[in-house]
Amino acid sequence: MKLIKLTSHSDNSPIYINIDEIGHFNEGEVSKMNSNGVFKPEKFTTVGVTTHNNGGFRVKETPEEIIEKIRNANSTRIL
């Protein structure tokens, strides 16, 4: 099993995901109000995992960063 560590969009907690169980990932955006009352767009990536039927995990990493983490996990030798 090869895991990658991602960061939860909601509370910055770590999420460890088995790369063999990733079904999809895509970018999204929500508008959040800042302290001045101005709405500001905030991006996230949803990572869908085949073992959960909940729509996926929202994470801070971009799809490109996730792809790089997957590549690095695949190039690591497991003993």
PDB file of N, CA and C in Angstrom:
ATOM      1  N   MET A   1       0.843  -1.169   0.000  1.00  0.00           N
ATOM      2  CA  MET A   1       0.000   0.000   0.000  1.00  0.00           C
ATOM      3  C   MET A   1       0.895   1.241   0.000  1.00  0.00           C
ATOM      4  N   LYS A   2       0.626   2.174  -0.905  1.00  0.00           N
ATOM      5  CA  LYS A   2       1.381   3.413  -0.977  1.00  0.00           C
ATOM      6  C   LYS A   2       0.450   4.567  -0.619  1.00  0.00           C
ATOM      7  N   LEU A   3       0.839   5.341   0.384  1.00  0.00           N
ATOM      8  CA  LEU A   3       0.028   6.440   0.880  1.00  0.00           C
ATOM      9  C   LEU A   3       0.649   7.776   0.507  1.00  0.00           C
ATOM     10  N   ILE A   4      -0.217   8.765   0.278  1.00  0.00           N
ATOM     11  CA  ILE A   4       0.238  10.143   0.152  1.00  0.00           C
ATOM     12  C   ILE A   4      -0.454  10.946   1.241  1.00  0.00           C
ATOM     13  N   LYS A   5       0.227  11.982   1.699  1.00  0.00           N
ATOM     14  CA  LYS A   5      -0.316  12.847   2.736  1.00  0.00           C
ATOM     15  C   LYS A   5      -0.827  14.123   2.085  1.00  0.00           C
ATOM     16  N   LEU A   6      -2.119  14.408   2.301  1.00  0.00           N
ATOM     17  CA  LEU A   6      -2.741  15.624   1.795  1.00  0.00           C
ATOM     18  C   LEU A   6      -3.235  16.443   2.980  1.00  0.00           C
ATOM     19  N   THR A   7      -3.658  17.674   2.731  1.00  0.00           N
ATOM     20  CA  THR A   7      -4.078  18.585   3.783  1.00  0.00           C
ATOM     21  C   THR A   7      -5.559  18.922   3.626  1.00  0.00           C
ATOM     22  N   SER A   8      -6.328  18.688   4.687  1.00  0.00           N
ATOM     23  CA  SER A   8      -7.756  18.981   4.664  1.00  0.00           C
ATOM     24  C   SER A   8      -7.995  20.464   4.410  1.00  0.00           C
ATOM     25  N   HIS A   9      -8.923  20.758   3.516  1.00  0.00           N
ATOM     26  CA  HIS A   9      -9.270  22.134   3.184  1.00  0.00           C
ATOM     27  C   HIS A   9      -9.957  22.824   4.355  1.00  0.00           C
ATOM     28  N   SER A  10     -10.696  22.085   5.157  1.00  0.00           N
ATOM     29  CA  SER A  10     -11.497  22.700   6.215  1.00  0.00           C
ATOM     30  C   SER A  10     -10.721  23.016   7.484  1.00  0.00           C
ATOM     31  N   ASP A  11      -9.808  22.113   7.897  1.00  0.00           N
ATOM     32  CA  ASP A  11      -9.153  22.339   9.191  1.00  0.00           C
ATOM     33  C   ASP A  11      -7.645  22.086   9.184  1.00  0.00           C
ATOM     34  N   ASN A  12      -7.053  21.967   8.016  1.00  0.00           N
ATOM     35  CA  ASN A  12      -5.602  21.754   7.867  1.00  0.00           C
ATOM     36  C   ASN A  12      -5.088  20.450   8.464  1.00  0.00           C
ATOM     37  N   SER A  13      -5.969  19.530   8.803  1.00  0.00           N
ATOM     38  CA  SER A  13      -5.518  18.253   9.347  1.00  0.00           C
ATOM     39  C   SER A  13      -5.005  17.372   8.212  1.00  0.00           C
ATOM     40  N   PRO A  14      -4.098  16.447   8.533  1.00  0.00           N
ATOM     41  CA  PRO A  14      -3.568  15.565   7.487  1.00  0.00           C
ATOM     42  C   PRO A  14      -4.584  14.491   7.088  1.00  0.00           C
ATOM     43  N   ILE A  15      -4.580  14.159   5.813  1.00  0.00           N
ATOM     44  CA  ILE A  15      -5.390  13.066   5.281  1.00  0.00           C
ATOM     45  C   ILE A  15      -4.432  12.159   4.526  1.00  0.00           C
ATOM     46  N   TYR A  16      -4.390  10.882   4.897  1.00  0.00           N
ATOM     47  CA  TYR A  16      -3.520   9.916   4.239  1.00  0.00           C
ATOM     48  C   TYR A  16      -4.375   9.070   3.312  1.00  0.00           C
ATOM     49  N   ILE A  17      -4.023   9.044   2.038  1.00  0.00           N
ATOM     50  CA  ILE A  17      -4.836   8.356   1.040  1.00  0.00           C
ATOM     51  C   ILE A  17      -3.988   7.323   0.310  1.00  0.00           C
ATOM     52  N   ASN A  18      -4.530   6.116   0.197  1.00  0.00           N
ATOM     53  CA  ASN A  18      -3.909   5.046  -0.569  1.00  0.00           C
ATOM     54  C   ASN A  18      -4.049   5.405  -2.047  1.00  0.00           C
ATOM     55  N   ILE A  19      -2.934   5.552  -2.745  1.00  0.00           N
ATOM     56  CA  ILE A  19      -2.995   6.012  -4.137  1.00  0.00           C
ATOM     57  C   ILE A  19      -3.702   5.013  -5.050  1.00  0.00           C
ATOM     58  N   ASP A  20      -3.745   3.752  -4.663  1.00  0.00           N
ATOM     59  CA  ASP A  20      -4.421   2.750  -5.483  1.00  0.00           C
ATOM     60  C   ASP A  20      -5.943   2.853  -5.385  1.00  0.00           C
ATOM     61  N   GLU A  21      -6.446   3.619  -4.422  1.00  0.00           N
ATOM     62  CA  GLU A  21      -7.885   3.756  -4.219  1.00  0.00           C
ATOM     63  C   GLU A  21      -8.442   5.080  -4.723  1.00  0.00           C
ATOM     64  N   ILE A  22      -7.587   5.929  -5.318  1.00  0.00           N
ATOM     65  CA  ILE A  22      -8.069   7.206  -5.849  1.00  0.00           C
ATOM     66  C   ILE A  22      -8.848   6.940  -7.127  1.00  0.00           C
ATOM     67  N   GLY A  23     -10.095   7.385  -7.145  1.00  0.00           N
ATOM     68  CA  GLY A  23     -10.936   7.204  -8.321  1.00  0.00           C
ATOM     69  C   GLY A  23     -10.899   8.417  -9.236  1.00  0.00           C
ATOM     70  N   HIS A  24     -10.833   9.599  -8.643  1.00  0.00           N
ATOM     71  CA  HIS A  24     -10.796  10.837  -9.419  1.00  0.00           C
ATOM     72  C   HIS A  24     -10.339  11.975  -8.517  1.00  0.00           C
ATOM     73  N   PHE A  25      -9.943  13.085  -9.126  1.00  0.00           N
ATOM     74  CA  PHE A  25      -9.779  14.333  -8.391  1.00  0.00           C
ATOM     75  C   PHE A  25     -10.002  15.482  -9.350  1.00  0.00           C
ATOM     76  N   ASN A  26     -10.595  16.552  -8.826  1.00  0.00           N
ATOM     77  CA  ASN A  26     -10.898  17.715  -9.641  1.00  0.00           C
ATOM     78  C   ASN A  26     -10.903  18.972  -8.784  1.00  0.00           C
ATOM     79  N   GLU A  27     -10.659  20.110  -9.448  1.00  0.00           N
ATOM     80  CA  GLU A  27     -10.622  21.391  -8.747  1.00  0.00           C
ATOM     81  C   GLU A  27     -12.028  21.932  -8.533  1.00  0.00           C
ATOM     82  N   GLY A  28     -12.159  22.692  -7.455  1.00  0.00           N
ATOM     83  CA  GLY A  28     -13.404  23.371  -7.158  1.00  0.00           C
ATOM     84  C   GLY A  28     -13.112  24.716  -6.541  1.00  0.00           C
ATOM     85  N   GLU A  29     -14.169  25.492  -6.320  1.00  0.00           N
ATOM     86  CA  GLU A  29     -13.993  26.816  -5.748  1.00  0.00           C
ATOM     87  C   GLU A  29     -15.234  27.183  -4.961  1.00  0.00           C
ATOM     88  N   VAL A  30     -15.034  27.785  -3.803  1.00  0.00           N
ATOM     89  CA  VAL A  30     -16.134  28.315  -2.998  1.00  0.00           C
ATOM     90  C   VAL A  30     -15.806  29.762  -2.677  1.00  0.00           C
ATOM     91  N   SER A  31     -16.842  30.542  -2.404  1.00  0.00           N
ATOM     92  CA  SER A  31     -16.630  31.924  -1.981  1.00  0.00           C
ATOM     93  C   SER A  31     -16.795  31.990  -0.475  1.00  0.00           C
ATOM     94  N   LYS A  32     -15.791  32.536   0.191  1.00  0.00           N
ATOM     95  CA  LYS A  32     -15.832  32.706   1.637  1.00  0.00           C
ATOM     96  C   LYS A  32     -15.726  34.183   1.965  1.00  0.00           C
ATOM     97  N   MET A  33     -16.474  34.583   2.994  1.00  0.00           N
ATOM     98  CA  MET A  33     -16.427  35.976   3.407  1.00  0.00           C
ATOM     99  C   MET A  33     -15.228  36.197   4.330  1.00  0.00           C
ATOM    100  N   ASN A  34     -14.433  37.212   4.022  1.00  0.00           N
ATOM    101  CA  ASN A  34     -13.293  37.517   4.885  1.00  0.00           C
ATOM    102  C   ASN A  34     -13.733  38.435   6.019  1.00  0.00           C
ATOM    103  N   SER A  35     -12.802  38.877   6.856  1.00  0.00           N
ATOM    104  CA  SER A  35     -13.135  39.681   8.036  1.00  0.00           C
ATOM    105  C   SER A  35     -13.689  41.056   7.683  1.00  0.00           C
ATOM    106  N   ASN A  36     -13.466  41.508   6.455  1.00  0.00           N
ATOM    107  CA  ASN A  36     -13.991  42.803   6.013  1.00  0.00           C
ATOM    108  C   ASN A  36     -15.367  42.686   5.366  1.00  0.00           C
ATOM    109  N   GLY A  37     -15.931  41.491   5.360  1.00  0.00           N
ATOM    110  CA  GLY A  37     -17.247  41.284   4.759  1.00  0.00           C
ATOM    111  C   GLY A  37     -17.219  41.139   3.255  1.00  0.00           C
ATOM    112  N   VAL A  38     -16.048  40.932   2.690  1.00  0.00           N
ATOM    113  CA  VAL A  38     -15.904  40.781   1.244  1.00  0.00           C
ATOM    114  C   VAL A  38     -15.772  39.294   0.910  1.00  0.00           C
ATOM    115  N   PHE A  39     -16.531  38.859  -0.083  1.00  0.00           N
ATOM    116  CA  PHE A  39     -16.437  37.464  -0.504  1.00  0.00           C
ATOM    117  C   PHE A  39     -15.197  37.277  -1.367  1.00  0.00           C
ATOM    118  N   LYS A  40     -14.442  36.245  -1.041  1.00  0.00           N
ATOM    119  CA  LYS A  40     -13.202  35.950  -1.757  1.00  0.00           C
ATOM    120  C   LYS A  40     -13.246  34.491  -2.205  1.00  0.00           C
ATOM    121  N   PRO A  41     -12.923  34.225  -3.480  1.00  0.00           N
ATOM    122  CA  PRO A  41     -12.923  32.834  -3.940  1.00  0.00           C
ATOM    123  C   PRO A  41     -11.785  32.046  -3.295  1.00  0.00           C
ATOM    124  N   GLU A  42     -12.077  30.816  -2.930  1.00  0.00           N
ATOM    125  CA  GLU A  42     -11.078  29.937  -2.329  1.00  0.00           C
ATOM    126  C   GLU A  42     -11.098  28.611  -3.067  1.00  0.00           C
ATOM    127  N   LYS A  43      -9.952  28.216  -3.603  1.00  0.00           N
ATOM    128  CA  LYS A  43      -9.860  26.982  -4.386  1.00  0.00           C
ATOM    129  C   LYS A  43      -9.559  25.785  -3.497  1.00  0.00           C
ATOM    130  N   PHE A  44      -9.976  24.628  -3.962  1.00  0.00           N
ATOM    131  CA  PHE A  44      -9.690  23.365  -3.300  1.00  0.00           C
ATOM    132  C   PHE A  44      -9.703  22.282  -4.364  1.00  0.00           C
ATOM    133  N   THR A  45      -9.255  21.088  -4.001  1.00  0.00           N
ATOM    134  CA  THR A  45      -9.336  19.929  -4.885  1.00  0.00           C
ATOM    135  C   THR A  45     -10.123  18.854  -4.167  1.00  0.00           C
ATOM    136  N   THR A  46     -11.068  18.256  -4.856  1.00  0.00           N
ATOM    137  CA  THR A  46     -11.814  17.134  -4.305  1.00  0.00           C
ATOM    138  C   THR A  46     -11.157  15.851  -4.793  1.00  0.00           C
ATOM    139  N   VAL A  47     -10.818  14.974  -3.848  1.00  0.00           N
ATOM    140  CA  VAL A  47     -10.204  13.688  -4.168  1.00  0.00           C
ATOM    141  C   VAL A  47     -11.215  12.598  -3.843  1.00  0.00           C
ATOM    142  N   GLY A  48     -11.692  11.907  -4.872  1.00  0.00           N
ATOM    143  CA  GLY A  48     -12.629  10.810  -4.691  1.00  0.00           C
ATOM    144  C   GLY A  48     -11.892   9.503  -4.489  1.00  0.00           C
ATOM    145  N   VAL A  49     -12.329   8.758  -3.502  1.00  0.00           N
ATOM    146  CA  VAL A  49     -11.682   7.488  -3.171  1.00  0.00           C
ATOM    147  C   VAL A  49     -12.701   6.373  -3.363  1.00  0.00           C
ATOM    148  N   THR A  50     -12.289   5.305  -4.025  1.00  0.00           N
ATOM    149  CA  THR A  50     -13.224   4.227  -4.379  1.00  0.00           C
ATOM    150  C   THR A  50     -13.803   3.511  -3.170  1.00  0.00           C
ATOM    151  N   THR A  51     -13.149   3.608  -2.019  1.00  0.00           N
ATOM    152  CA  THR A  51     -13.636   2.908  -0.828  1.00  0.00           C
ATOM    153  C   THR A  51     -14.653   3.725  -0.037  1.00  0.00           C
ATOM    154  N   HIS A  52     -14.932   4.967  -0.456  1.00  0.00           N
ATOM    155  CA  HIS A  52     -15.909   5.815   0.227  1.00  0.00           C
ATOM    156  C   HIS A  52     -16.894   6.349  -0.806  1.00  0.00           C
ATOM    157  N   ASN A  53     -18.144   6.374  -0.447  1.00  0.00           N
ATOM    158  CA  ASN A  53     -19.174   6.874  -1.347  1.00  0.00           C
ATOM    159  C   ASN A  53     -19.727   8.186  -0.793  1.00  0.00           C
ATOM    160  N   ASN A  54     -18.802   9.128  -0.511  1.00  0.00           N
ATOM    161  CA  ASN A  54     -19.226  10.375   0.119  1.00  0.00           C
ATOM    162  C   ASN A  54     -18.913  11.613  -0.719  1.00  0.00           C
ATOM    163  N   GLY A  55     -18.530  11.442  -1.959  1.00  0.00           N
ATOM    164  CA  GLY A  55     -18.224  12.574  -2.816  1.00  0.00           C
ATOM    165  C   GLY A  55     -16.774  12.999  -2.792  1.00  0.00           C
ATOM    166  N   GLY A  56     -16.005  12.550  -1.824  1.00  0.00           N
ATOM    167  CA  GLY A  56     -14.582  12.833  -1.802  1.00  0.00           C
ATOM    168  C   GLY A  56     -14.156  13.737  -0.668  1.00  0.00           C
ATOM    169  N   PHE A  57     -12.854  13.900  -0.578  1.00  0.00           N
ATOM    170  CA  PHE A  57     -12.243  14.747   0.436  1.00  0.00           C
ATOM    171  C   PHE A  57     -11.811  16.047  -0.212  1.00  0.00           C
ATOM    172  N   ARG A  58     -12.106  17.179   0.432  1.00  0.00           N
ATOM    173  CA  ARG A  58     -11.619  18.473  -0.054  1.00  0.00           C
ATOM    174  C   ARG A  58     -10.257  18.722   0.556  1.00  0.00           C
ATOM    175  N   VAL A  59      -9.280  18.961  -0.318  1.00  0.00           N
ATOM    176  CA  VAL A  59      -7.897  19.171   0.136  1.00  0.00           C
ATOM    177  C   VAL A  59      -7.341  20.457  -0.454  1.00  0.00           C
ATOM    178  N   LYS A  60      -6.263  20.941   0.150  1.00  0.00           N
ATOM    179  CA  LYS A  60      -5.642  22.193  -0.276  1.00  0.00           C
ATOM    180  C   LYS A  60      -4.716  22.030  -1.473  1.00  0.00           C
ATOM    181  N   GLU A  61      -4.167  20.848  -1.677  1.00  0.00           N
ATOM    182  CA  GLU A  61      -3.232  20.627  -2.781  1.00  0.00           C
ATOM    183  C   GLU A  61      -3.936  20.740  -4.129  1.00  0.00           C
ATOM    184  N   THR A  62      -3.205  21.228  -5.126  1.00  0.00           N
ATOM    185  CA  THR A  62      -3.732  21.312  -6.486  1.00  0.00           C
ATOM    186  C   THR A  62      -3.632  19.933  -7.147  1.00  0.00           C
ATOM    187  N   PRO A  63      -4.369  19.712  -8.239  1.00  0.00           N
ATOM    188  CA  PRO A  63      -4.217  18.441  -8.954  1.00  0.00           C
ATOM    189  C   PRO A  63      -2.771  18.173  -9.372  1.00  0.00           C
ATOM    190  N   GLU A  64      -2.050  19.203  -9.784  1.00  0.00           N
ATOM    191  CA  GLU A  64      -0.656  19.024 -10.184  1.00  0.00           C
ATOM    192  C   GLU A  64       0.210  18.556  -9.009  1.00  0.00           C
ATOM    193  N   GLU A  65      -0.034  19.112  -7.827  1.00  0.00           N
ATOM    194  CA  GLU A  65       0.720  18.694  -6.640  1.00  0.00           C
ATOM    195  C   GLU A  65       0.388  17.254  -6.264  1.00  0.00           C
ATOM    196  N   ILE A  66      -0.875  16.871  -6.425  1.00  0.00           N
ATOM    197  CA  ILE A  66      -1.285  15.496  -6.127  1.00  0.00           C
ATOM    198  C   ILE A  66      -0.621  14.527  -7.103  1.00  0.00           C
ATOM    199  N   ILE A  67      -0.593  14.884  -8.373  1.00  0.00           N
ATOM    200  CA  ILE A  67       0.063  14.034  -9.376  1.00  0.00           C
ATOM    201  C   ILE A  67       1.537  13.854  -9.024  1.00  0.00           C
ATOM    202  N   GLU A  68       2.199  14.917  -8.611  1.00  0.00           N
ATOM    203  CA  GLU A  68       3.613  14.828  -8.228  1.00  0.00           C
ATOM    204  C   GLU A  68       3.795  13.917  -7.016  1.00  0.00           C
ATOM    205  N   LYS A  69       2.906  14.009  -6.037  1.00  0.00           N
ATOM    206  CA  LYS A  69       2.985  13.134  -4.860  1.00  0.00           C
ATOM    207  C   LYS A  69       2.784  11.668  -5.261  1.00  0.00           C
ATOM    208  N   ILE A  70       1.868  11.418  -6.195  1.00  0.00           N
ATOM    209  CA  ILE A  70       1.635  10.053  -6.670  1.00  0.00           C
ATOM    210  C   ILE A  70       2.874   9.529  -7.392  1.00  0.00           C
ATOM    211  N   ARG A  71       3.469  10.369  -8.242  1.00  0.00           N
ATOM    212  CA  ARG A  71       4.698   9.966  -8.944  1.00  0.00           C
ATOM    213  C   ARG A  71       5.803   9.636  -7.955  1.00  0.00           C
ATOM    214  N   ASN A  72       5.964  10.465  -6.943  1.00  0.00           N
ATOM    215  CA  ASN A  72       7.002  10.221  -5.933  1.00  0.00           C
ATOM    216  C   ASN A  72       6.721   8.945  -5.155  1.00  0.00           C
ATOM    217  N   ALA A  73       5.463   8.683  -4.843  1.00  0.00           N
ATOM    218  CA  ALA A  73       5.110   7.462  -4.116  1.00  0.00           C
ATOM    219  C   ALA A  73       5.389   6.232  -4.975  1.00  0.00           C
ATOM    220  N   ASN A  74       5.152   6.340  -6.270  1.00  0.00           N
ATOM    221  CA  ASN A  74       5.391   5.205  -7.167  1.00  0.00           C
ATOM    222  C   ASN A  74       6.873   4.948  -7.397  1.00  0.00           C
ATOM    223  N   SER A  75       7.695   5.975  -7.243  1.00  0.00           N
ATOM    224  CA  SER A  75       9.123   5.787  -7.451  1.00  0.00           C
ATOM    225  C   SER A  75       9.843   5.344  -6.175  1.00  0.00           C
ATOM    226  N   THR A  76       9.129   5.345  -5.058  1.00  0.00           N
ATOM    227  CA  THR A  76       9.716   4.920  -3.789  1.00  0.00           C
ATOM    228  C   THR A  76       9.642   3.408  -3.669  1.00  0.00           C
ATOM    229  N   ARG A  77      10.733   2.821  -3.261  1.00  0.00           N
ATOM    230  CA  ARG A  77      10.769   1.371  -3.079  1.00  0.00           C
ATOM    231  C   ARG A  77      10.250   0.996  -1.709  1.00  0.00           C
ATOM    232  N   ILE A  78       9.352   0.043  -1.649  1.00  0.00           N
ATOM    233  CA  ILE A  78       8.827  -0.443  -0.384  1.00  0.00           C
ATOM    234  C   ILE A  78       9.581  -1.696  -0.001  1.00  0.00           C
ATOM    235  N   LEU A  79      10.113  -1.721   1.199  1.00  0.00           N
ATOM    236  CA  LEU A  79      10.877  -2.869   1.674  1.00  0.00           C
ATOM    237  C   LEU A  79      10.013  -3.760   2.540  1.00  0.00           C
TER     238      LEU A  79
END
